[in-house]
Amino acid sequence: MADDAKRVRPPTIYDVAERAGVAPSTVSRALARPGRVSTQTADKVRRAAEALGYGRRPPSPGLTALPTRLLAIVVADIANPVFHDVIRGAEAAAEEAGYTVILFDAQESDERERRAAEQFLPAVDGLVLTSPRLSDAGIHAIAKQRPLITLNRQVRGLPSVLTDSARGTRRAAEHLGAHGHDSLAYVAGPEASWTDGMRWRGAQEAGIDLDIRTRRIGPGVPTVAGGEQAARAWAEAPTTGVICYNDIMAVGFIRRLQATGLDVPTDVSVIGFDNSRIGLLTTPALTSVASPLQHQGEMAVKNLIAIINGAISSEEPVLLPTKLVERSSSGPASGRPPSA
């Protein structure tokens, strides 16, 4: 009774893995395809699952009443406007194919992502993980149970739809270099973000090729407050150019610079990423790297439905192009280092 009182959620595949002393992917194989593991391992996993009551609970009542042909879309942070167009494209493609979409906000939490995926697995035909923060092993464990596709994250052996973030960051650096900037700061996003790693790599490579001094600030929270915090760190070693992980951080960065009396772009040029609507509402209007967000959502759902219907998924990611949209937040270097 004490154990039951302490349990606040149904047992998960991770609980079974911990009790059995194996990996989550091994639990998935042992329960779904016992022939792919040894008899001893299969028995150990089965006993652990039975002891925890894993697999005996039906889907939640709220989901059992929903119609069939469901897809789940898990987004990293619904407050981020970049996901607006991705979701719109995904929903349009799903509706055209006769599917309904369930949306879940992970709030930048790998734990919430995991719980969402496990909650929806019994009720959906497939999942789209948008900028997932789960480990590769955690994503593979889910993929063993339902067709799955990732956005903004490449996981070996699984289908994905990506935007060319590294090249987009390079275009931003080339733009700064062409305007005479010789120093660049990259304002990083979440540490667990695969996309952040690609963007930082693009900034590093561009800095080497273009002879621009480059440094990284972060990781940081991809919010306005995160951008403001990054601006405080930037002030310790100012650069004439700044590329931010996303537009929201760029807005916070500019806000902090203006509060300290610096002018954008006269003193500092700032570039965002994603070309979201928020960049048009700032003063000055934000230069940003654009990616085809709505098309990304559409392609992800279309490919996922094809896999559900029996198509063989490709491990090669679908790579969508990016381009730089120049506005007023970037311009010629002043010829002197900014002082904060």
C-alpha atoms as a PDB file:
ATOM      1  CA  MET A   1       0.000   0.000   0.000  1.00  0.00           C
ATOM      2  CA  ALA A   2       2.866   2.376   0.787  1.00  0.00           C
ATOM      3  CA  ASP A   3       4.402   1.796  -2.649  1.00  0.00           C
ATOM      4  CA  ASP A   4       1.034   2.474  -4.310  1.00  0.00           C
ATOM      5  CA  ALA A   5       0.655   5.697  -2.388  1.00  0.00           C
ATOM      6  CA  LYS A   6       4.065   6.882  -3.466  1.00  0.00           C
ATOM      7  CA  ARG A   7       3.457   6.159  -7.129  1.00  0.00           C
ATOM      8  CA  VAL A   8       2.326   9.372  -8.824  1.00  0.00           C
ATOM      9  CA  ARG A   9       2.386   8.105 -12.402  1.00  0.00           C
ATOM     10  CA  PRO A  10       2.009   4.820 -14.269  1.00  0.00           C
ATOM     11  CA  PRO A  11       5.215   2.782 -14.629  1.00  0.00           C
ATOM     12  CA  THR A  12       7.172   3.532 -17.781  1.00  0.00           C
ATOM     13  CA  ILE A  13       9.583   1.681 -20.007  1.00  0.00           C
ATOM     14  CA  TYR A  14      12.381   3.516 -18.213  1.00  0.00           C
ATOM     15  CA  ASP A  15      11.209   2.188 -14.833  1.00  0.00           C
ATOM     16  CA  VAL A  16      11.216  -1.358 -16.211  1.00  0.00           C
ATOM     17  CA  ALA A  17      14.690  -0.835 -17.678  1.00  0.00           C
ATOM     18  CA  GLU A  18      16.032   0.410 -14.348  1.00  0.00           C
ATOM     19  CA  ARG A  19      14.531  -2.493 -12.400  1.00  0.00           C
ATOM     20  CA  ALA A  20      15.763  -5.069 -14.915  1.00  0.00           C
ATOM     21  CA  GLY A  21      19.187  -3.461 -15.263  1.00  0.00           C
ATOM     22  CA  VAL A  22      18.983  -3.107 -19.047  1.00  0.00           C
ATOM     23  CA  ALA A  23      18.605  -0.304 -21.594  1.00  0.00           C
ATOM     24  CA  PRO A  24      15.113   1.047 -22.500  1.00  0.00           C
ATOM     25  CA  SER A  25      15.604  -0.159 -26.079  1.00  0.00           C
ATOM     26  CA  THR A  26      16.227  -3.682 -24.724  1.00  0.00           C
ATOM     27  CA  VAL A  27      12.943  -3.533 -22.802  1.00  0.00           C
ATOM     28  CA  SER A  28      11.151  -2.508 -25.981  1.00  0.00           C
ATOM     29  CA  ARG A  29      12.624  -5.414 -27.942  1.00  0.00           C
ATOM     30  CA  ALA A  30      12.024  -7.907 -25.134  1.00  0.00           C
ATOM     31  CA  LEU A  31       8.332  -7.017 -24.846  1.00  0.00           C
ATOM     32  CA  ALA A  32       7.540  -6.441 -28.508  1.00  0.00           C
ATOM     33  CA  ARG A  33       9.895  -8.943 -30.178  1.00  0.00           C
ATOM     34  CA  PRO A  34      11.230 -11.398 -27.591  1.00  0.00           C
ATOM     35  CA  GLY A  35      13.114 -13.361 -30.240  1.00  0.00           C
ATOM     36  CA  ARG A  36      15.545 -10.460 -30.662  1.00  0.00           C
ATOM     37  CA  VAL A  37      16.975 -10.835 -27.141  1.00  0.00           C
ATOM     38  CA  SER A  38      18.223 -13.789 -25.138  1.00  0.00           C
ATOM     39  CA  THR A  39      15.749 -15.909 -23.190  1.00  0.00           C
ATOM     40  CA  GLN A  40      17.378 -14.867 -19.922  1.00  0.00           C
ATOM     41  CA  THR A  41      17.067 -11.167 -20.753  1.00  0.00           C
ATOM     42  CA  ALA A  42      13.465 -11.559 -21.937  1.00  0.00           C
ATOM     43  CA  ASP A  43      12.520 -13.310 -18.685  1.00  0.00           C
ATOM     44  CA  LYS A  44      14.254 -10.643 -16.596  1.00  0.00           C
ATOM     45  CA  VAL A  45      12.418  -7.845 -18.417  1.00  0.00           C
ATOM     46  CA  ARG A  46       9.071  -9.646 -18.219  1.00  0.00           C
ATOM     47  CA  ARG A  47       9.428 -10.195 -14.475  1.00  0.00           C
ATOM     48  CA  ALA A  48      10.345  -6.532 -13.948  1.00  0.00           C
ATOM     49  CA  ALA A  49       7.361  -5.398 -16.013  1.00  0.00           C
ATOM     50  CA  GLU A  50       4.981  -7.656 -14.102  1.00  0.00           C
ATOM     51  CA  ALA A  51       6.344  -6.499 -10.746  1.00  0.00           C
ATOM     52  CA  LEU A  52       5.808  -2.852 -11.678  1.00  0.00           C
ATOM     53  CA  GLY A  53       2.457  -3.419 -13.366  1.00  0.00           C
ATOM     54  CA  TYR A  54       3.812  -2.088 -16.662  1.00  0.00           C
ATOM     55  CA  GLY A  55       1.566  -2.684 -19.649  1.00  0.00           C
ATOM     56  CA  ARG A  56      -1.568  -3.513 -17.640  1.00  0.00           C
ATOM     57  CA  ARG A  57      -2.989   0.015 -17.685  1.00  0.00           C
ATOM     58  CA  PRO A  58      -5.290   0.965 -20.571  1.00  0.00           C
ATOM     59  CA  PRO A  59      -4.964   4.323 -22.347  1.00  0.00           C
ATOM     60  CA  SER A  60      -6.331   7.250 -20.374  1.00  0.00           C
ATOM     61  CA  PRO A  61     -10.121   7.742 -20.647  1.00  0.00           C
ATOM     62  CA  GLY A  62      -9.657  11.084 -22.390  1.00  0.00           C
ATOM     63  CA  LEU A  63      -7.796   9.423 -25.238  1.00  0.00           C
ATOM     64  CA  THR A  64      -9.918   6.323 -25.683  1.00  0.00           C
ATOM     65  CA  ALA A  65     -12.869   8.497 -26.674  1.00  0.00           C
ATOM     66  CA  LEU A  66     -10.930  10.153 -29.505  1.00  0.00           C
ATOM     67  CA  PRO A  67     -11.313   8.975 -33.105  1.00  0.00           C
ATOM     68  CA  THR A  68      -8.727   6.800 -34.842  1.00  0.00           C
ATOM     69  CA  ARG A  69      -6.142   8.122 -37.330  1.00  0.00           C
ATOM     70  CA  LEU A  70      -4.418  10.270 -34.711  1.00  0.00           C
ATOM     71  CA  LEU A  71      -0.953  11.791 -34.808  1.00  0.00           C
ATOM     72  CA  ALA A  72       0.856  13.345 -31.844  1.00  0.00           C
ATOM     73  CA  ILE A  73       3.083  16.398 -32.275  1.00  0.00           C
ATOM     74  CA  VAL A  74       5.369  17.184 -29.346  1.00  0.00           C
ATOM     75  CA  VAL A  75       6.936  20.664 -29.499  1.00  0.00           C
ATOM     76  CA  ALA A  76       9.794  21.914 -27.341  1.00  0.00           C
ATOM     77  CA  ASP A  77       8.050  25.155 -26.339  1.00  0.00           C
ATOM     78  CA  ILE A  78       4.651  26.295 -27.614  1.00  0.00           C
ATOM     79  CA  ALA A  79       5.448  29.870 -26.527  1.00  0.00           C
ATOM     80  CA  ASN A  80       8.164  30.053 -29.173  1.00  0.00           C
ATOM     81  CA  PRO A  81       6.562  31.630 -32.282  1.00  0.00           C
ATOM     82  CA  VAL A  82       8.777  29.566 -34.564  1.00  0.00           C
ATOM     83  CA  PHE A  83       6.570  26.552 -33.895  1.00  0.00           C
ATOM     84  CA  HIS A  84       3.423  28.357 -35.046  1.00  0.00           C
ATOM     85  CA  ASP A  85       4.132  27.855 -38.750  1.00  0.00           C
ATOM     86  CA  VAL A  86       5.505  24.346 -38.205  1.00  0.00           C
ATOM     87  CA  ILE A  87       2.279  23.301 -36.463  1.00  0.00           C
ATOM     88  CA  ARG A  88       0.115  24.981 -39.077  1.00  0.00           C
ATOM     89  CA  GLY A  89       1.866  23.111 -41.877  1.00  0.00           C
ATOM     90  CA  ALA A  90       1.668  19.817 -39.993  1.00  0.00           C
ATOM     91  CA  GLU A  91      -2.048  20.217 -39.284  1.00  0.00           C
ATOM     92  CA  ALA A  92      -2.808  21.084 -42.917  1.00  0.00           C
ATOM     93  CA  ALA A  93      -1.021  17.964 -44.159  1.00  0.00           C
ATOM     94  CA  ALA A  94      -2.720  15.788 -41.542  1.00  0.00           C
ATOM     95  CA  GLU A  95      -6.181  17.112 -42.350  1.00  0.00           C
ATOM     96  CA  GLU A  96      -5.653  16.558 -46.061  1.00  0.00           C
ATOM     97  CA  ALA A  97      -4.812  12.913 -45.354  1.00  0.00           C
ATOM     98  CA  GLY A  98      -7.747  12.406 -42.970  1.00  0.00           C
ATOM     99  CA  TYR A  99      -5.746  12.482 -39.731  1.00  0.00           C
ATOM    100  CA  THR A 100      -6.245  14.476 -36.541  1.00  0.00           C
ATOM    101  CA  VAL A 101      -3.371  16.023 -34.587  1.00  0.00           C
ATOM    102  CA  ILE A 102      -2.822  16.002 -30.816  1.00  0.00           C
ATOM    103  CA  LEU A 103      -0.441  18.739 -29.676  1.00  0.00           C
ATOM    104  CA  PHE A 104       1.721  18.630 -26.547  1.00  0.00           C
ATOM    105  CA  ASP A 105       4.005  21.344 -25.135  1.00  0.00           C
ATOM    106  CA  ALA A 106       7.171  19.886 -23.580  1.00  0.00           C
ATOM    107  CA  GLN A 107       8.265  23.248 -22.105  1.00  0.00           C
ATOM    108  CA  GLU A 108      11.926  22.509 -22.940  1.00  0.00           C
ATOM    109  CA  SER A 109      11.824  19.447 -20.640  1.00  0.00           C
ATOM    110  CA  ASP A 110      13.048  16.005 -21.689  1.00  0.00           C
ATOM    111  CA  GLU A 111      11.020  14.497 -18.839  1.00  0.00           C
ATOM    112  CA  ARG A 112       7.793  16.077 -20.129  1.00  0.00           C
ATOM    113  CA  GLU A 113       8.636  14.850 -23.632  1.00  0.00           C
ATOM    114  CA  ARG A 114       9.069  11.318 -22.379  1.00  0.00           C
ATOM    115  CA  ARG A 115       5.816  11.354 -20.403  1.00  0.00           C
ATOM    116  CA  ALA A 116       3.912  12.805 -23.362  1.00  0.00           C
ATOM    117  CA  ALA A 117       5.214  10.183 -25.751  1.00  0.00           C
ATOM    118  CA  GLU A 118       4.347   7.349 -23.386  1.00  0.00           C
ATOM    119  CA  GLN A 119       0.888   8.782 -22.725  1.00  0.00           C
ATOM    120  CA  PHE A 120       0.057   9.075 -26.416  1.00  0.00           C
ATOM    121  CA  LEU A 121       1.662   5.854 -27.657  1.00  0.00           C
ATOM    122  CA  PRO A 122      -1.388   3.618 -27.086  1.00  0.00           C
ATOM    123  CA  ALA A 123      -3.719   6.007 -28.907  1.00  0.00           C
ATOM    124  CA  VAL A 124      -1.821   7.389 -31.905  1.00  0.00           C
ATOM    125  CA  ASP A 125      -0.559   5.976 -35.174  1.00  0.00           C
ATOM    126  CA  GLY A 126       2.663   8.006 -35.141  1.00  0.00           C
ATOM    127  CA  LEU A 127       4.535  10.896 -33.557  1.00  0.00           C
ATOM    128  CA  VAL A 128       6.369  14.025 -34.676  1.00  0.00           C
ATOM    129  CA  LEU A 129       9.008  15.203 -32.205  1.00  0.00           C
ATOM    130  CA  THR A 130       9.843  18.849 -32.872  1.00  0.00           C
ATOM    131  CA  SER A 131      13.265  19.915 -31.556  1.00  0.00           C
ATOM    132  CA  PRO A 132      13.250  17.058 -29.018  1.00  0.00           C
ATOM    133  CA  ARG A 133      15.402  17.260 -25.900  1.00  0.00           C
ATOM    134  CA  LEU A 134      15.325  13.505 -25.202  1.00  0.00           C
ATOM    135  CA  SER A 135      18.482  11.452 -25.576  1.00  0.00           C
ATOM    136  CA  ASP A 136      18.993   9.405 -28.741  1.00  0.00           C
ATOM    137  CA  ALA A 137      18.347   6.241 -26.716  1.00  0.00           C
ATOM    138  CA  GLY A 138      15.063   7.654 -25.412  1.00  0.00           C
ATOM    139  CA  ILE A 139      13.911   8.573 -28.922  1.00  0.00           C
ATOM    140  CA  HIS A 140      14.867   5.128 -30.237  1.00  0.00           C
ATOM    141  CA  ALA A 141      12.857   3.495 -27.442  1.00  0.00           C
ATOM    142  CA  ILE A 142       9.750   5.386 -28.578  1.00  0.00           C
ATOM    143  CA  ALA A 143      10.439   4.599 -32.241  1.00  0.00           C
ATOM    144  CA  LYS A 144      10.432   0.881 -31.412  1.00  0.00           C
ATOM    145  CA  GLN A 145       6.741   1.183 -30.523  1.00  0.00           C
ATOM    146  CA  ARG A 146       5.334   3.675 -33.045  1.00  0.00           C
ATOM    147  CA  PRO A 147       6.446   5.286 -36.315  1.00  0.00           C
ATOM    148  CA  LEU A 148       8.261   8.499 -35.477  1.00  0.00           C
ATOM    149  CA  ILE A 149       9.912  11.414 -37.263  1.00  0.00           C
ATOM    150  CA  THR A 150      12.031  14.190 -35.783  1.00  0.00           C
ATOM    151  CA  LEU A 151      12.264  17.867 -36.725  1.00  0.00           C
ATOM    152  CA  ASN A 152      15.414  19.922 -36.104  1.00  0.00           C
ATOM    153  CA  ARG A 153      17.191  16.871 -34.748  1.00  0.00           C
ATOM    154  CA  GLN A 154      19.031  14.070 -36.530  1.00  0.00           C
ATOM    155  CA  VAL A 155      19.010  10.689 -34.809  1.00  0.00           C
ATOM    156  CA  ARG A 156      20.904   7.887 -36.483  1.00  0.00           C
ATOM    157  CA  GLY A 157      18.595   5.279 -37.976  1.00  0.00           C
ATOM    158  CA  LEU A 158      15.457   7.443 -37.826  1.00  0.00           C
ATOM    159  CA  PRO A 159      13.808   9.724 -40.411  1.00  0.00           C
ATOM    160  CA  SER A 160      14.068  13.482 -39.898  1.00  0.00           C
ATOM    161  CA  VAL A 161      13.319  16.807 -41.555  1.00  0.00           C
ATOM    162  CA  LEU A 162      15.979  19.448 -40.935  1.00  0.00           C
ATOM    163  CA  THR A 163      16.720  23.011 -41.949  1.00  0.00           C
ATOM    164  CA  ASP A 164      20.282  23.772 -43.004  1.00  0.00           C
ATOM    165  CA  SER A 165      21.166  25.610 -39.799  1.00  0.00           C
ATOM    166  CA  ALA A 166      24.938  25.483 -40.268  1.00  0.00           C
ATOM    167  CA  ARG A 167      24.749  27.094 -43.687  1.00  0.00           C
ATOM    168  CA  GLY A 168      22.247  29.650 -42.411  1.00  0.00           C
ATOM    169  CA  THR A 169      24.655  30.725 -39.674  1.00  0.00           C
ATOM    170  CA  ARG A 170      27.436  30.926 -42.228  1.00  0.00           C
ATOM    171  CA  ARG A 171      25.315  33.244 -44.384  1.00  0.00           C
ATOM    172  CA  ALA A 172      24.808  35.487 -41.358  1.00  0.00           C
ATOM    173  CA  ALA A 173      28.558  35.533 -40.667  1.00  0.00           C
ATOM    174  CA  GLU A 174      29.316  36.293 -44.319  1.00  0.00           C
ATOM    175  CA  HIS A 175      26.865  39.199 -44.147  1.00  0.00           C
ATOM    176  CA  LEU A 176      28.682  40.608 -41.115  1.00  0.00           C
ATOM    177  CA  GLY A 177      32.082  40.053 -42.692  1.00  0.00           C
ATOM    178  CA  ALA A 178      31.017  41.871 -45.845  1.00  0.00           C
ATOM    179  CA  HIS A 179      30.094  44.867 -43.666  1.00  0.00           C
ATOM    180  CA  GLY A 180      33.528  45.027 -42.078  1.00  0.00           C
ATOM    181  CA  HIS A 181      32.886  43.178 -38.820  1.00  0.00           C
ATOM    182  CA  ASP A 182      35.964  41.378 -37.510  1.00  0.00           C
ATOM    183  CA  SER A 183      34.528  40.012 -34.253  1.00  0.00           C
ATOM    184  CA  LEU A 184      31.453  37.880 -33.732  1.00  0.00           C
ATOM    185  CA  ALA A 185      29.600  36.415 -30.749  1.00  0.00           C
ATOM    186  CA  TYR A 186      27.215  33.486 -31.107  1.00  0.00           C
ATOM    187  CA  VAL A 187      24.469  33.567 -28.450  1.00  0.00           C
ATOM    188  CA  ALA A 188      23.737  29.896 -27.812  1.00  0.00           C
ATOM    189  CA  GLY A 189      20.402  28.241 -27.038  1.00  0.00           C
ATOM    190  CA  PRO A 190      19.636  25.203 -24.838  1.00  0.00           C
ATOM    191  CA  GLU A 191      22.508  22.837 -24.137  1.00  0.00           C
ATOM    192  CA  ALA A 192      20.402  19.841 -25.216  1.00  0.00           C
ATOM    193  CA  SER A 193      19.487  21.412 -28.574  1.00  0.00           C
ATOM    194  CA  TRP A 194      20.928  19.568 -31.564  1.00  0.00           C
ATOM    195  CA  THR A 195      20.132  22.576 -33.761  1.00  0.00           C
ATOM    196  CA  ASP A 196      22.145  24.846 -31.473  1.00  0.00           C
ATOM    197  CA  GLY A 197      25.174  22.646 -32.044  1.00  0.00           C
ATOM    198  CA  MET A 198      24.759  22.912 -35.811  1.00  0.00           C
ATOM    199  CA  ARG A 199      24.454  26.702 -35.672  1.00  0.00           C
ATOM    200  CA  TRP A 200      27.525  27.072 -33.485  1.00  0.00           C
ATOM    201  CA  ARG A 201      29.469  24.807 -35.829  1.00  0.00           C
ATOM    202  CA  GLY A 202      28.480  27.017 -38.765  1.00  0.00           C
ATOM    203  CA  ALA A 203      29.620  30.122 -36.882  1.00  0.00           C
ATOM    204  CA  GLN A 204      32.969  28.538 -36.004  1.00  0.00           C
ATOM    205  CA  GLU A 205      33.684  27.398 -39.550  1.00  0.00           C
ATOM    206  CA  ALA A 206      32.689  30.770 -40.986  1.00  0.00           C
ATOM    207  CA  GLY A 207      34.902  32.556 -38.473  1.00  0.00           C
ATOM    208  CA  ILE A 208      37.919  30.504 -39.545  1.00  0.00           C
ATOM    209  CA  ASP A 209      37.272  30.927 -43.272  1.00  0.00           C
ATOM    210  CA  LEU A 210      36.482  34.651 -43.049  1.00  0.00           C
ATOM    211  CA  ASP A 211      39.122  35.541 -40.449  1.00  0.00           C
ATOM    212  CA  ILE A 212      36.501  36.756 -37.953  1.00  0.00           C
ATOM    213  CA  ARG A 213      37.190  36.326 -34.245  1.00  0.00           C
ATOM    214  CA  THR A 214      34.361  34.174 -32.918  1.00  0.00           C
ATOM    215  CA  ARG A 215      33.213  33.299 -29.422  1.00  0.00           C
ATOM    216  CA  ARG A 216      30.239  31.531 -27.893  1.00  0.00           C
ATOM    217  CA  ILE A 217      27.998  32.852 -25.124  1.00  0.00           C
ATOM    218  CA  GLY A 218      25.884  30.285 -23.328  1.00  0.00           C
ATOM    219  CA  PRO A 219      24.147  27.904 -23.285  1.00  0.00           C
ATOM    220  CA  GLY A 220      21.084  29.955 -22.521  1.00  0.00           C
ATOM    221  CA  VAL A 221      17.324  29.806 -22.228  1.00  0.00           C
ATOM    222  CA  PRO A 222      15.729  30.573 -25.640  1.00  0.00           C
ATOM    223  CA  THR A 223      13.570  33.425 -24.340  1.00  0.00           C
ATOM    224  CA  VAL A 224      13.662  37.228 -24.204  1.00  0.00           C
ATOM    225  CA  ALA A 225      15.082  36.977 -20.682  1.00  0.00           C
ATOM    226  CA  GLY A 226      17.711  34.558 -21.960  1.00  0.00           C
ATOM    227  CA  GLY A 227      18.736  37.079 -24.595  1.00  0.00           C
ATOM    228  CA  GLU A 228      18.994  39.839 -22.010  1.00  0.00           C
ATOM    229  CA  GLN A 229      21.172  37.641 -19.816  1.00  0.00           C
ATOM    230  CA  ALA A 230      23.409  36.841 -22.779  1.00  0.00           C
ATOM    231  CA  ALA A 231      23.843  40.569 -23.455  1.00  0.00           C
ATOM    232  CA  ARG A 232      25.196  41.001 -19.931  1.00  0.00           C
ATOM    233  CA  ALA A 233      27.752  38.256 -20.597  1.00  0.00           C
ATOM    234  CA  TRP A 234      28.585  39.774 -23.987  1.00  0.00           C
ATOM    235  CA  ALA A 235      29.420  43.108 -22.306  1.00  0.00           C
ATOM    236  CA  GLU A 236      32.412  41.457 -20.617  1.00  0.00           C
ATOM    237  CA  ALA A 237      34.100  41.064 -24.024  1.00  0.00           C
ATOM    238  CA  PRO A 238      32.070  43.001 -26.624  1.00  0.00           C
ATOM    239  CA  THR A 239      32.042  42.148 -30.339  1.00  0.00           C
ATOM    240  CA  THR A 240      30.812  44.235 -33.242  1.00  0.00           C
ATOM    241  CA  GLY A 241      28.528  41.459 -34.550  1.00  0.00           C
ATOM    242  CA  VAL A 242      26.144  39.083 -32.789  1.00  0.00           C
ATOM    243  CA  ILE A 243      24.227  36.056 -34.098  1.00  0.00           C
ATOM    244  CA  CYS A 244      21.532  34.705 -31.764  1.00  0.00           C
ATOM    245  CA  TYR A 245      20.185  31.154 -31.542  1.00  0.00           C
ATOM    246  CA  ASN A 246      16.683  32.420 -32.335  1.00  0.00           C
ATOM    247  CA  ASP A 247      14.723  35.616 -32.878  1.00  0.00           C
ATOM    248  CA  ILE A 248      13.335  35.721 -29.345  1.00  0.00           C
ATOM    249  CA  MET A 249      16.810  35.784 -27.820  1.00  0.00           C
ATOM    250  CA  ALA A 250      17.819  38.442 -30.351  1.00  0.00           C
ATOM    251  CA  VAL A 251      14.925  40.639 -29.210  1.00  0.00           C
ATOM    252  CA  GLY A 252      16.029  40.324 -25.574  1.00  0.00           C
ATOM    253  CA  PHE A 253      19.638  40.981 -26.563  1.00  0.00           C
ATOM    254  CA  ILE A 254      18.717  44.184 -28.422  1.00  0.00           C
ATOM    255  CA  ARG A 255      16.484  45.315 -25.580  1.00  0.00           C
ATOM    256  CA  ARG A 256      19.357  45.024 -23.120  1.00  0.00           C
ATOM    257  CA  LEU A 257      21.801  46.834 -25.421  1.00  0.00           C
ATOM    258  CA  GLN A 258      19.385  49.728 -25.884  1.00  0.00           C
ATOM    259  CA  ALA A 259      18.849  49.940 -22.127  1.00  0.00           C
ATOM    260  CA  THR A 260      22.597  50.504 -21.683  1.00  0.00           C
ATOM    261  CA  GLY A 261      22.694  53.236 -24.313  1.00  0.00           C
ATOM    262  CA  LEU A 262      24.096  51.253 -27.235  1.00  0.00           C
ATOM    263  CA  ASP A 263      22.607  51.639 -30.696  1.00  0.00           C
ATOM    264  CA  VAL A 264      21.707  48.773 -33.019  1.00  0.00           C
ATOM    265  CA  PRO A 265      23.136  48.595 -35.644  1.00  0.00           C
ATOM    266  CA  THR A 266      25.468  51.626 -35.295  1.00  0.00           C
ATOM    267  CA  ASP A 267      27.354  50.139 -32.335  1.00  0.00           C
ATOM    268  CA  VAL A 268      26.435  46.464 -32.683  1.00  0.00           C
ATOM    269  CA  SER A 269      24.826  44.441 -35.489  1.00  0.00           C
ATOM    270  CA  VAL A 270      22.449  41.733 -34.256  1.00  0.00           C
ATOM    271  CA  ILE A 271      21.058  38.837 -36.317  1.00  0.00           C
ATOM    272  CA  GLY A 272      18.380  36.359 -35.242  1.00  0.00           C
ATOM    273  CA  PHE A 273      17.324  32.965 -36.520  1.00  0.00           C
ATOM    274  CA  ASP A 274      13.983  31.603 -37.830  1.00  0.00           C
ATOM    275  CA  ASN A 275      12.584  34.850 -39.316  1.00  0.00           C
ATOM    276  CA  SER A 276       9.552  34.641 -37.038  1.00  0.00           C
ATOM    277  CA  ARG A 277       6.904  37.351 -36.795  1.00  0.00           C
ATOM    278  CA  ILE A 278       8.402  38.771 -33.615  1.00  0.00           C
ATOM    279  CA  GLY A 279      11.358  40.117 -35.594  1.00  0.00           C
ATOM    280  CA  LEU A 280       9.079  42.473 -37.518  1.00  0.00           C
ATOM    281  CA  LEU A 281       7.776  44.026 -34.305  1.00  0.00           C
ATOM    282  CA  THR A 282      11.129  45.168 -32.953  1.00  0.00           C
ATOM    283  CA  THR A 283      12.893  48.506 -33.428  1.00  0.00           C
ATOM    284  CA  PRO A 284      15.009  48.179 -35.459  1.00  0.00           C
ATOM    285  CA  ALA A 285      13.455  45.388 -37.522  1.00  0.00           C
ATOM    286  CA  LEU A 286      15.455  42.203 -37.072  1.00  0.00           C
ATOM    287  CA  THR A 287      17.777  40.722 -39.680  1.00  0.00           C
ATOM    288  CA  SER A 288      17.181  36.977 -39.461  1.00  0.00           C
ATOM    289  CA  VAL A 289      17.951  33.624 -41.062  1.00  0.00           C
ATOM    290  CA  ALA A 290      14.725  32.290 -42.589  1.00  0.00           C
ATOM    291  CA  SER A 291      13.767  28.652 -42.969  1.00  0.00           C
ATOM    292  CA  PRO A 292      10.630  27.172 -44.594  1.00  0.00           C
ATOM    293  CA  LEU A 293       8.885  26.368 -41.316  1.00  0.00           C
ATOM    294  CA  GLN A 294       5.418  25.596 -42.654  1.00  0.00           C
ATOM    295  CA  HIS A 295       6.865  23.392 -45.380  1.00  0.00           C
ATOM    296  CA  GLN A 296       8.897  21.578 -42.743  1.00  0.00           C
ATOM    297  CA  GLY A 297       5.755  20.720 -40.786  1.00  0.00           C
ATOM    298  CA  GLU A 298       3.939  19.600 -43.939  1.00  0.00           C
ATOM    299  CA  MET A 299       6.796  17.390 -45.097  1.00  0.00           C
ATOM    300  CA  ALA A 300       7.227  15.800 -41.678  1.00  0.00           C
ATOM    301  CA  VAL A 301       3.573  14.731 -41.475  1.00  0.00           C
ATOM    302  CA  LYS A 302       3.421  13.553 -45.091  1.00  0.00           C
ATOM    303  CA  ASN A 303       6.527  11.421 -44.612  1.00  0.00           C
ATOM    304  CA  LEU A 304       5.236  10.072 -41.297  1.00  0.00           C
ATOM    305  CA  ILE A 305       1.899   9.047 -42.836  1.00  0.00           C
ATOM    306  CA  ALA A 306       3.765   7.352 -45.683  1.00  0.00           C
ATOM    307  CA  ILE A 307       5.747   5.336 -43.130  1.00  0.00           C
ATOM    308  CA  ILE A 308       2.547   4.442 -41.254  1.00  0.00           C
ATOM    309  CA  ASN A 309       1.129   3.165 -44.545  1.00  0.00           C
ATOM    310  CA  GLY A 310       4.091   0.882 -45.125  1.00  0.00           C
ATOM    311  CA  ALA A 311       6.720   2.978 -46.868  1.00  0.00           C
ATOM    312  CA  ILE A 312      10.307   2.214 -45.926  1.00  0.00           C
ATOM    313  CA  SER A 313      11.746   5.124 -43.972  1.00  0.00           C
ATOM    314  CA  SER A 314      15.073   6.581 -45.039  1.00  0.00           C
ATOM    315  CA  GLU A 315      17.849   7.309 -42.572  1.00  0.00           C
ATOM    316  CA  GLU A 316      18.982  10.210 -44.755  1.00  0.00           C
ATOM    317  CA  PRO A 317      17.473  13.447 -43.431  1.00  0.00           C
ATOM    318  CA  VAL A 318      15.406  15.742 -45.598  1.00  0.00           C
ATOM    319  CA  LEU A 319      17.425  18.968 -45.592  1.00  0.00           C
ATOM    320  CA  LEU A 320      15.573  22.218 -46.322  1.00  0.00           C
ATOM    321  CA  PRO A 321      17.393  25.408 -47.371  1.00  0.00           C
ATOM    322  CA  THR A 322      17.763  28.620 -45.381  1.00  0.00           C
ATOM    323  CA  LYS A 323      18.325  32.214 -46.486  1.00  0.00           C
ATOM    324  CA  LEU A 324      19.267  35.491 -44.849  1.00  0.00           C
ATOM    325  CA  VAL A 325      16.586  38.198 -44.691  1.00  0.00           C
ATOM    326  CA  GLU A 326      18.318  41.545 -44.268  1.00  0.00           C
ATOM    327  CA  ARG A 327      16.591  44.244 -42.236  1.00  0.00           C
ATOM    328  CA  SER A 328      17.663  47.169 -40.071  1.00  0.00           C
ATOM    329  CA  SER A 329      19.362  45.453 -37.116  1.00  0.00           C
ATOM    330  CA  SER A 330      22.580  44.804 -39.046  1.00  0.00           C
ATOM    331  CA  GLY A 331      24.873  47.117 -40.971  1.00  0.00           C
ATOM    332  CA  PRO A 332      28.436  48.369 -41.398  1.00  0.00           C
ATOM    333  CA  ALA A 333      30.851  48.029 -38.515  1.00  0.00           C
ATOM    334  CA  SER A 334      31.572  51.347 -36.811  1.00  0.00           C
ATOM    335  CA  GLY A 335      35.317  50.820 -36.889  1.00  0.00           C
ATOM    336  CA  ARG A 336      35.586  50.896 -33.107  1.00  0.00           C
ATOM    337  CA  PRO A 337      34.817  48.214 -30.518  1.00  0.00           C
ATOM    338  CA  PRO A 338      31.508  48.813 -28.715  1.00  0.00           C
ATOM    339  CA  SER A 339      31.667  49.659 -25.038  1.00  0.00           C
ATOM    340  CA  ALA A 340      28.920  48.611 -22.671  1.00  0.00           C
END
